[in-house]
Amino acid sequence: MYGSGPCHRNIYLKSKNMFALKKLFGTKPDLKAIKEKGAIILDVRTAGEFKTGHIPGSLNIAVDHVASYAEELKKKNKPVITCCRSGARSAVAESILKNAGIEVYNGGSWNELLKELV
């Protein structure tokens, strides 16, 4: 009978697992659209790392200093997309800014984010 074999069961389980993952983690935001609506790109690497390459127009505040700039960023009333070398520091910055009441998205690594924004 069609639809009752092990292959069909595997497809069903994979679909069910994907639904559960999307429910748990959500879908990835459209960072390009968010940027086009005026978001601030915040690169949280060190100044030295930033000098070796960055997204044009991005703001550089090292992750260690993000908390002290949170109110200033909040006053801009714009969403923020964080980035760094790998995505770890930008996740920390995302958490700090989210706790400050800022709409923020972790863009991950700056060079991958650059590709996504083009």
N, C-alpha and C. Protein backbone atom coordinates (compact mmCIF):
# COMPACT_ATOMS: atom_id res chain seq x y z
N MET A 1 0.84 -1.18 0.00
CA MET A 1 0.00 0.00 0.00
C MET A 1 0.89 1.24 0.00
N TYR A 2 0.54 2.25 -0.81
CA TYR A 2 1.32 3.48 -0.94
C TYR A 2 1.28 4.27 0.36
N GLY A 3 2.45 4.74 0.78
CA GLY A 3 2.53 5.62 1.94
C GLY A 3 2.70 4.91 3.26
N SER A 4 2.88 3.60 3.24
CA SER A 4 3.00 2.91 4.52
C SER A 4 4.37 2.26 4.71
N GLY A 5 5.27 2.40 3.73
CA GLY A 5 6.58 1.76 3.82
C GLY A 5 7.53 2.53 4.71
N PRO A 6 8.70 1.94 4.97
CA PRO A 6 9.68 2.58 5.84
C PRO A 6 10.19 3.92 5.27
N CYS A 7 10.27 4.02 3.95
CA CYS A 7 10.75 5.26 3.34
C CYS A 7 9.77 6.40 3.64
N HIS A 8 8.49 6.13 3.51
CA HIS A 8 7.48 7.14 3.77
C HIS A 8 7.51 7.55 5.24
N ARG A 9 7.75 6.59 6.11
CA ARG A 9 7.83 6.88 7.55
C ARG A 9 9.02 7.80 7.84
N ASN A 10 10.16 7.55 7.18
CA ASN A 10 11.34 8.40 7.37
C ASN A 10 11.08 9.84 6.94
N ILE A 11 10.39 10.00 5.82
CA ILE A 11 10.06 11.35 5.34
C ILE A 11 9.15 12.04 6.35
N TYR A 12 8.17 11.31 6.86
CA TYR A 12 7.25 11.87 7.85
C TYR A 12 8.01 12.30 9.10
N LEU A 13 8.91 11.45 9.58
CA LEU A 13 9.67 11.78 10.79
C LEU A 13 10.59 12.98 10.56
N LYS A 14 11.22 13.04 9.38
CA LYS A 14 12.08 14.19 9.07
C LYS A 14 11.27 15.48 9.04
N SER A 15 10.09 15.44 8.43
CA SER A 15 9.22 16.62 8.38
C SER A 15 8.79 17.03 9.78
N LYS A 16 8.45 16.05 10.59
CA LYS A 16 8.02 16.33 11.96
C LYS A 16 9.18 16.93 12.76
N ASN A 17 10.39 16.39 12.58
CA ASN A 17 11.57 16.93 13.27
C ASN A 17 11.88 18.36 12.83
N MET A 18 11.77 18.64 11.53
CA MET A 18 12.02 20.00 11.03
C MET A 18 11.01 20.97 11.61
N PHE A 19 9.76 20.56 11.69
CA PHE A 19 8.73 21.41 12.28
C PHE A 19 9.07 21.71 13.74
N ALA A 20 9.50 20.69 14.47
CA ALA A 20 9.85 20.86 15.88
C ALA A 20 11.05 21.81 16.03
N LEU A 21 12.05 21.68 15.16
CA LEU A 21 13.21 22.56 15.22
C LEU A 21 12.83 24.00 14.90
N LYS A 22 11.99 24.19 13.87
CA LYS A 22 11.55 25.54 13.52
C LYS A 22 10.75 26.15 14.65
N LYS A 23 9.93 25.33 15.31
CA LYS A 23 9.13 25.82 16.42
C LYS A 23 10.05 26.23 17.58
N LEU A 24 11.09 25.44 17.81
CA LEU A 24 12.02 25.71 18.90
C LEU A 24 12.90 26.92 18.62
N PHE A 25 13.48 26.97 17.41
CA PHE A 25 14.45 28.01 17.08
C PHE A 25 13.90 29.13 16.20
N GLY A 26 12.73 28.94 15.64
CA GLY A 26 12.16 29.94 14.74
C GLY A 26 12.80 29.88 13.37
N THR A 27 12.32 30.70 12.49
CA THR A 27 12.90 30.76 11.15
C THR A 27 13.93 31.88 11.12
N LYS A 28 14.87 31.78 10.22
CA LYS A 28 15.93 32.78 10.12
C LYS A 28 15.35 34.08 9.59
N PRO A 29 15.64 35.19 10.26
CA PRO A 29 15.11 36.48 9.79
C PRO A 29 15.78 36.91 8.48
N ASP A 30 15.06 37.70 7.70
CA ASP A 30 15.59 38.23 6.44
C ASP A 30 16.44 39.46 6.77
N LEU A 31 17.72 39.23 7.02
CA LEU A 31 18.60 40.31 7.45
C LEU A 31 18.78 41.38 6.38
N LYS A 32 18.71 40.98 5.12
CA LYS A 32 18.84 41.96 4.04
C LYS A 32 17.66 42.94 4.09
N ALA A 33 16.47 42.43 4.28
CA ALA A 33 15.29 43.29 4.36
C ALA A 33 15.35 44.18 5.60
N ILE A 34 15.83 43.63 6.70
CA ILE A 34 15.96 44.40 7.94
C ILE A 34 16.97 45.53 7.74
N LYS A 35 18.07 45.24 7.07
CA LYS A 35 19.10 46.25 6.79
C LYS A 35 18.53 47.33 5.87
N GLU A 36 17.78 46.91 4.86
CA GLU A 36 17.20 47.87 3.91
C GLU A 36 16.21 48.82 4.59
N LYS A 37 15.66 48.40 5.72
CA LYS A 37 14.74 49.25 6.48
C LYS A 37 15.47 50.14 7.48
N GLY A 38 16.82 50.16 7.42
CA GLY A 38 17.58 51.10 8.22
C GLY A 38 18.30 50.52 9.42
N ALA A 39 18.43 49.21 9.52
CA ALA A 39 19.13 48.62 10.66
C ALA A 39 20.58 49.05 10.72
N ILE A 40 21.08 49.06 11.93
CA ILE A 40 22.49 49.35 12.19
C ILE A 40 23.26 48.04 12.19
N ILE A 41 24.34 47.97 11.44
CA ILE A 41 25.22 46.80 11.48
C ILE A 41 26.28 47.10 12.54
N LEU A 42 26.31 46.27 13.57
CA LEU A 42 27.24 46.46 14.68
C LEU A 42 28.27 45.33 14.69
N ASP A 43 29.49 45.67 14.36
CA ASP A 43 30.60 44.72 14.35
C ASP A 43 31.25 44.77 15.73
N VAL A 44 31.21 43.65 16.45
CA VAL A 44 31.68 43.65 17.84
C VAL A 44 33.08 43.07 18.00
N ARG A 45 33.84 43.01 16.92
CA ARG A 45 35.24 42.59 17.01
C ARG A 45 36.09 43.74 17.55
N THR A 46 37.34 43.46 17.83
CA THR A 46 38.26 44.50 18.29
C THR A 46 38.53 45.48 17.14
N ALA A 47 39.03 46.65 17.48
CA ALA A 47 39.36 47.66 16.47
C ALA A 47 40.39 47.11 15.48
N GLY A 48 41.35 46.36 15.98
CA GLY A 48 42.36 45.76 15.09
C GLY A 48 41.76 44.79 14.10
N GLU A 49 40.85 43.96 14.55
CA GLU A 49 40.17 43.02 13.64
C GLU A 49 39.33 43.77 12.62
N PHE A 50 38.64 44.80 13.09
CA PHE A 50 37.78 45.60 12.23
C PHE A 50 38.58 46.23 11.09
N LYS A 51 39.79 46.70 11.41
CA LYS A 51 40.65 47.33 10.40
C LYS A 51 41.06 46.37 9.28
N THR A 52 41.08 45.07 9.57
CA THR A 52 41.49 44.10 8.54
C THR A 52 40.38 43.84 7.52
N GLY A 53 39.19 44.31 7.79
CA GLY A 53 38.06 44.14 6.88
C GLY A 53 36.76 44.21 7.65
N HIS A 54 35.75 44.81 7.02
CA HIS A 54 34.45 44.95 7.67
C HIS A 54 33.38 45.28 6.63
N ILE A 55 32.14 45.26 7.05
CA ILE A 55 31.03 45.62 6.19
C ILE A 55 31.00 47.15 6.07
N PRO A 56 31.01 47.67 4.86
CA PRO A 56 30.97 49.13 4.68
C PRO A 56 29.77 49.73 5.43
N GLY A 57 30.04 50.80 6.17
CA GLY A 57 28.99 51.48 6.91
C GLY A 57 28.69 50.89 8.28
N SER A 58 29.38 49.81 8.62
CA SER A 58 29.12 49.19 9.93
C SER A 58 29.76 50.00 11.04
N LEU A 59 29.20 49.85 12.22
CA LEU A 59 29.68 50.51 13.43
C LEU A 59 30.53 49.50 14.20
N ASN A 60 31.64 49.92 14.73
CA ASN A 60 32.52 49.01 15.48
C ASN A 60 32.54 49.37 16.95
N ILE A 61 31.99 48.46 17.76
CA ILE A 61 32.06 48.56 19.21
C ILE A 61 32.43 47.16 19.70
N ALA A 62 33.60 47.03 20.29
CA ALA A 62 34.04 45.72 20.78
C ALA A 62 33.03 45.17 21.78
N VAL A 63 32.85 43.87 21.77
CA VAL A 63 31.84 43.23 22.61
C VAL A 63 31.98 43.62 24.07
N ASP A 64 33.19 43.84 24.55
CA ASP A 64 33.42 44.23 25.94
C ASP A 64 32.82 45.60 26.28
N HIS A 65 32.52 46.40 25.27
CA HIS A 65 32.02 47.76 25.49
C HIS A 65 30.55 47.94 25.08
N VAL A 66 29.94 46.89 24.57
CA VAL A 66 28.57 46.99 24.05
C VAL A 66 27.60 47.46 25.13
N ALA A 67 27.69 46.92 26.32
CA ALA A 67 26.75 47.29 27.39
C ALA A 67 26.78 48.79 27.67
N SER A 68 27.96 49.40 27.61
CA SER A 68 28.06 50.83 27.92
C SER A 68 27.51 51.70 26.78
N TYR A 69 27.30 51.13 25.60
CA TYR A 69 26.73 51.87 24.47
C TYR A 69 25.26 51.51 24.21
N ALA A 70 24.70 50.64 25.03
CA ALA A 70 23.34 50.15 24.79
C ALA A 70 22.32 51.28 24.78
N GLU A 71 22.38 52.19 25.72
CA GLU A 71 21.41 53.29 25.78
C GLU A 71 21.53 54.20 24.55
N GLU A 72 22.77 54.45 24.13
CA GLU A 72 22.99 55.27 22.93
C GLU A 72 22.39 54.59 21.70
N LEU A 73 22.57 53.29 21.58
CA LEU A 73 22.00 52.54 20.46
C LEU A 73 20.48 52.52 20.54
N LYS A 74 19.95 52.39 21.74
CA LYS A 74 18.50 52.36 21.92
C LYS A 74 17.87 53.67 21.48
N LYS A 75 18.54 54.79 21.74
CA LYS A 75 18.03 56.11 21.36
C LYS A 75 17.90 56.27 19.84
N LYS A 76 18.67 55.51 19.09
CA LYS A 76 18.61 55.58 17.62
C LYS A 76 17.30 55.00 17.09
N ASN A 77 16.63 54.19 17.93
CA ASN A 77 15.33 53.60 17.59
C ASN A 77 15.36 52.85 16.25
N LYS A 78 16.43 52.08 16.07
CA LYS A 78 16.58 51.26 14.86
C LYS A 78 16.97 49.85 15.28
N PRO A 79 16.58 48.86 14.49
CA PRO A 79 17.07 47.51 14.81
C PRO A 79 18.57 47.43 14.61
N VAL A 80 19.19 46.47 15.29
CA VAL A 80 20.63 46.28 15.22
C VAL A 80 20.91 44.85 14.77
N ILE A 81 21.84 44.70 13.85
CA ILE A 81 22.32 43.39 13.42
C ILE A 81 23.77 43.28 13.88
N THR A 82 24.04 42.34 14.77
CA THR A 82 25.40 42.18 15.29
C THR A 82 26.19 41.20 14.42
N CYS A 83 27.50 41.38 14.37
CA CYS A 83 28.37 40.44 13.67
C CYS A 83 29.75 40.46 14.31
N CYS A 84 30.52 39.44 14.03
CA CYS A 84 31.90 39.34 14.53
C CYS A 84 32.67 38.42 13.59
N ARG A 85 33.66 37.71 14.09
CA ARG A 85 34.42 36.81 13.23
C ARG A 85 33.68 35.50 13.00
N SER A 86 33.13 34.92 14.06
CA SER A 86 32.50 33.60 13.93
C SER A 86 31.02 33.56 14.29
N GLY A 87 30.56 34.54 15.04
CA GLY A 87 29.17 34.54 15.49
C GLY A 87 29.02 34.39 16.98
N ALA A 88 30.09 34.02 17.68
CA ALA A 88 30.02 33.82 19.13
C ALA A 88 29.91 35.15 19.87
N ARG A 89 30.80 36.08 19.57
CA ARG A 89 30.76 37.38 20.24
C ARG A 89 29.51 38.16 19.86
N SER A 90 29.08 38.00 18.61
CA SER A 90 27.87 38.71 18.19
C SER A 90 26.64 38.16 18.92
N ALA A 91 26.67 36.88 19.29
CA ALA A 91 25.57 36.30 20.08
C ALA A 91 25.56 36.90 21.49
N VAL A 92 26.74 37.11 22.06
CA VAL A 92 26.84 37.75 23.38
C VAL A 92 26.29 39.17 23.29
N ALA A 93 26.71 39.91 22.27
CA ALA A 93 26.23 41.29 22.08
C ALA A 93 24.73 41.32 21.85
N GLU A 94 24.22 40.35 21.10
CA GLU A 94 22.78 40.26 20.86
C GLU A 94 22.04 40.14 22.19
N SER A 95 22.51 39.29 23.05
CA SER A 95 21.89 39.08 24.35
C SER A 95 21.91 40.36 25.20
N ILE A 96 23.04 41.04 25.21
CA ILE A 96 23.18 42.29 25.97
C ILE A 96 22.17 43.33 25.46
N LEU A 97 22.10 43.49 24.15
CA LEU A 97 21.23 44.50 23.57
C LEU A 97 19.75 44.12 23.71
N LYS A 98 19.46 42.85 23.60
CA LYS A 98 18.08 42.38 23.79
C LYS A 98 17.62 42.69 25.21
N ASN A 99 18.50 42.45 26.18
CA ASN A 99 18.17 42.75 27.58
C ASN A 99 17.99 44.25 27.82
N ALA A 100 18.56 45.08 26.95
CA ALA A 100 18.41 46.52 27.05
C ALA A 100 17.16 47.01 26.32
N GLY A 101 16.40 46.07 25.73
CA GLY A 101 15.16 46.43 25.06
C GLY A 101 15.32 46.85 23.61
N ILE A 102 16.40 46.43 22.99
CA ILE A 102 16.67 46.79 21.59
C ILE A 102 16.29 45.62 20.70
N GLU A 103 15.67 45.93 19.56
CA GLU A 103 15.40 44.91 18.55
C GLU A 103 16.74 44.55 17.92
N VAL A 104 17.16 43.31 18.09
CA VAL A 104 18.51 42.93 17.66
C VAL A 104 18.50 41.54 17.06
N TYR A 105 19.38 41.33 16.09
CA TYR A 105 19.53 40.06 15.39
C TYR A 105 21.01 39.71 15.32
N ASN A 106 21.32 38.44 15.53
CA ASN A 106 22.70 37.98 15.41
C ASN A 106 22.96 37.64 13.94
N GLY A 107 23.80 38.43 13.30
CA GLY A 107 24.14 38.20 11.90
C GLY A 107 25.26 37.19 11.71
N GLY A 108 25.89 36.74 12.80
CA GLY A 108 26.97 35.76 12.70
C GLY A 108 28.27 36.38 12.24
N SER A 109 28.99 35.65 11.41
CA SER A 109 30.30 36.14 10.96
C SER A 109 30.11 37.30 9.97
N TRP A 110 30.97 38.28 10.07
CA TRP A 110 30.81 39.49 9.27
C TRP A 110 30.91 39.21 7.78
N ASN A 111 31.82 38.32 7.39
CA ASN A 111 32.01 38.08 5.96
C ASN A 111 30.84 37.29 5.36
N GLU A 112 30.22 36.42 6.14
CA GLU A 112 29.03 35.70 5.67
C GLU A 112 27.83 36.66 5.63
N LEU A 113 27.73 37.54 6.62
CA LEU A 113 26.67 38.54 6.63
C LEU A 113 26.80 39.46 5.43
N LEU A 114 28.02 39.86 5.09
CA LEU A 114 28.25 40.71 3.93
C LEU A 114 27.69 40.06 2.67
N LYS A 115 27.94 38.76 2.50
CA LYS A 115 27.41 38.04 1.33
C LYS A 115 25.89 38.05 1.32
N GLU A 116 25.30 37.92 2.51
CA GLU A 116 23.84 37.88 2.62
C GLU A 116 23.21 39.24 2.31
N LEU A 117 23.90 40.30 2.63
CA LEU A 117 23.36 41.64 2.45
C LEU A 117 23.49 42.16 1.02
N VAL A 118 24.35 41.54 0.23
CA VAL A 118 24.58 42.00 -1.15
C VAL A 118 23.44 41.58 -2.05
